[in-house]
Amino acid sequence: MKIIIPSSDLRNKYNEVSKLTLEEQKPVYITVNGRGDTVLINQTVYEKQLAELELLRLLSEAEDSITKGDVIDAKKAFEKIRKELK
């Protein structure tokens, strides 16, 4: 279930709201005059989501490379790396 609070709570009870984001590990929706305005999440949750998005981006790029046939055999790849490291 969504956690929704008015902007006045964010202003007047910041420490409680911050603690809530940490404990619940879910976004807190901030409203202004009863309308959605901002979403607040804990920094750890935010960084995890960024990492997940980056992983999805990399997987998508890899899938595109496979679809385009832009791949090489693993043995050849390791041989190439070994030669470059010498």
Protein backbone atom coordinates (compact mmCIF):
# COMPACT_ATOMS: atom_id res chain seq x y z
CA MET A 1 0.00 0.00 0.00
CA LYS A 2 1.24 3.50 -0.87
CA ILE A 3 2.45 5.80 1.88
CA ILE A 4 1.00 9.24 1.20
CA ILE A 5 1.62 12.31 3.33
CA PRO A 6 0.99 16.05 2.91
CA SER A 7 3.94 18.34 2.27
CA SER A 8 3.36 19.96 5.67
CA ASP A 9 4.36 16.65 7.32
CA LEU A 10 7.60 16.64 5.36
CA ARG A 11 8.27 20.20 6.50
CA ASN A 12 7.16 19.77 10.11
CA LYS A 13 8.09 16.14 10.78
CA TYR A 14 11.10 15.54 8.56
CA ASN A 15 12.87 13.22 11.00
CA GLU A 16 9.79 10.99 11.29
CA VAL A 17 9.31 10.90 7.51
CA SER A 18 12.99 10.11 6.96
CA LYS A 19 12.79 7.30 9.52
CA LEU A 20 9.66 6.00 7.77
CA THR A 21 11.48 5.73 4.42
CA LEU A 22 14.29 3.84 6.13
CA GLU A 23 12.02 1.43 8.00
CA GLU A 24 9.55 0.76 5.20
CA GLN A 25 12.06 0.71 2.34
CA LYS A 26 9.24 2.05 0.16
CA PRO A 27 8.60 5.41 -1.49
CA VAL A 28 6.67 8.07 0.38
CA TYR A 29 4.37 10.11 -1.85
CA ILE A 30 4.21 13.79 -0.91
CA THR A 31 1.08 15.75 -1.79
CA VAL A 32 0.51 19.48 -2.12
CA ASN A 33 -3.11 20.58 -1.84
CA GLY A 34 -4.19 16.95 -2.14
CA ARG A 35 -2.38 16.33 -5.41
CA GLY A 36 0.71 14.22 -6.00
CA ASP A 37 3.85 16.34 -6.13
CA THR A 38 7.00 14.48 -5.06
CA VAL A 39 8.18 10.98 -4.21
CA LEU A 40 10.72 10.50 -1.44
CA ILE A 41 12.80 7.34 -1.09
CA ASN A 42 15.63 6.26 1.15
CA GLN A 43 19.11 6.71 -0.35
CA THR A 44 19.91 2.99 -0.09
CA VAL A 45 16.72 2.11 -2.00
CA TYR A 46 17.50 4.77 -4.59
CA GLU A 47 21.05 3.51 -5.17
CA LYS A 48 19.80 -0.08 -5.43
CA GLN A 49 17.26 0.98 -8.05
CA LEU A 50 19.96 2.83 -10.01
CA ALA A 51 22.16 -0.28 -9.95
CA GLU A 52 19.26 -2.43 -11.14
CA LEU A 53 18.53 0.00 -13.99
CA GLU A 54 22.18 -0.03 -15.02
CA LEU A 55 22.19 -3.83 -15.03
CA LEU A 56 19.04 -3.88 -17.17
CA ARG A 57 20.66 -1.38 -19.57
CA LEU A 58 23.76 -3.55 -19.88
CA LEU A 59 21.67 -6.68 -20.43
CA SER A 60 19.68 -4.90 -23.11
CA GLU A 61 22.89 -3.83 -24.86
CA ALA A 62 24.20 -7.40 -24.67
CA GLU A 63 20.95 -8.75 -26.11
CA ASP A 64 21.16 -6.22 -28.96
CA SER A 65 24.74 -7.32 -29.68
CA ILE A 66 23.65 -10.95 -29.84
CA THR A 67 20.74 -10.08 -32.11
CA LYS A 68 23.07 -8.17 -34.45
CA GLY A 69 25.55 -11.04 -34.42
CA ASP A 70 28.19 -8.76 -32.93
CA VAL A 71 29.71 -11.53 -30.80
CA ILE A 72 32.78 -13.72 -30.90
CA ASP A 73 33.58 -17.17 -29.57
CA ALA A 74 34.70 -17.16 -25.92
CA LYS A 75 38.00 -18.94 -26.72
CA LYS A 76 38.84 -16.31 -29.33
CA ALA A 77 37.93 -13.53 -26.91
CA PHE A 78 40.22 -14.89 -24.20
CA GLU A 79 43.04 -15.41 -26.71
CA LYS A 80 42.67 -11.80 -27.80
CA ILE A 81 42.75 -10.58 -24.19
CA ARG A 82 45.84 -12.65 -23.41
CA LYS A 83 47.66 -11.22 -26.42
CA GLU A 84 46.74 -7.67 -25.39
CA LEU A 85 47.98 -8.25 -21.83
CA LYS A 86 51.43 -9.44 -22.97
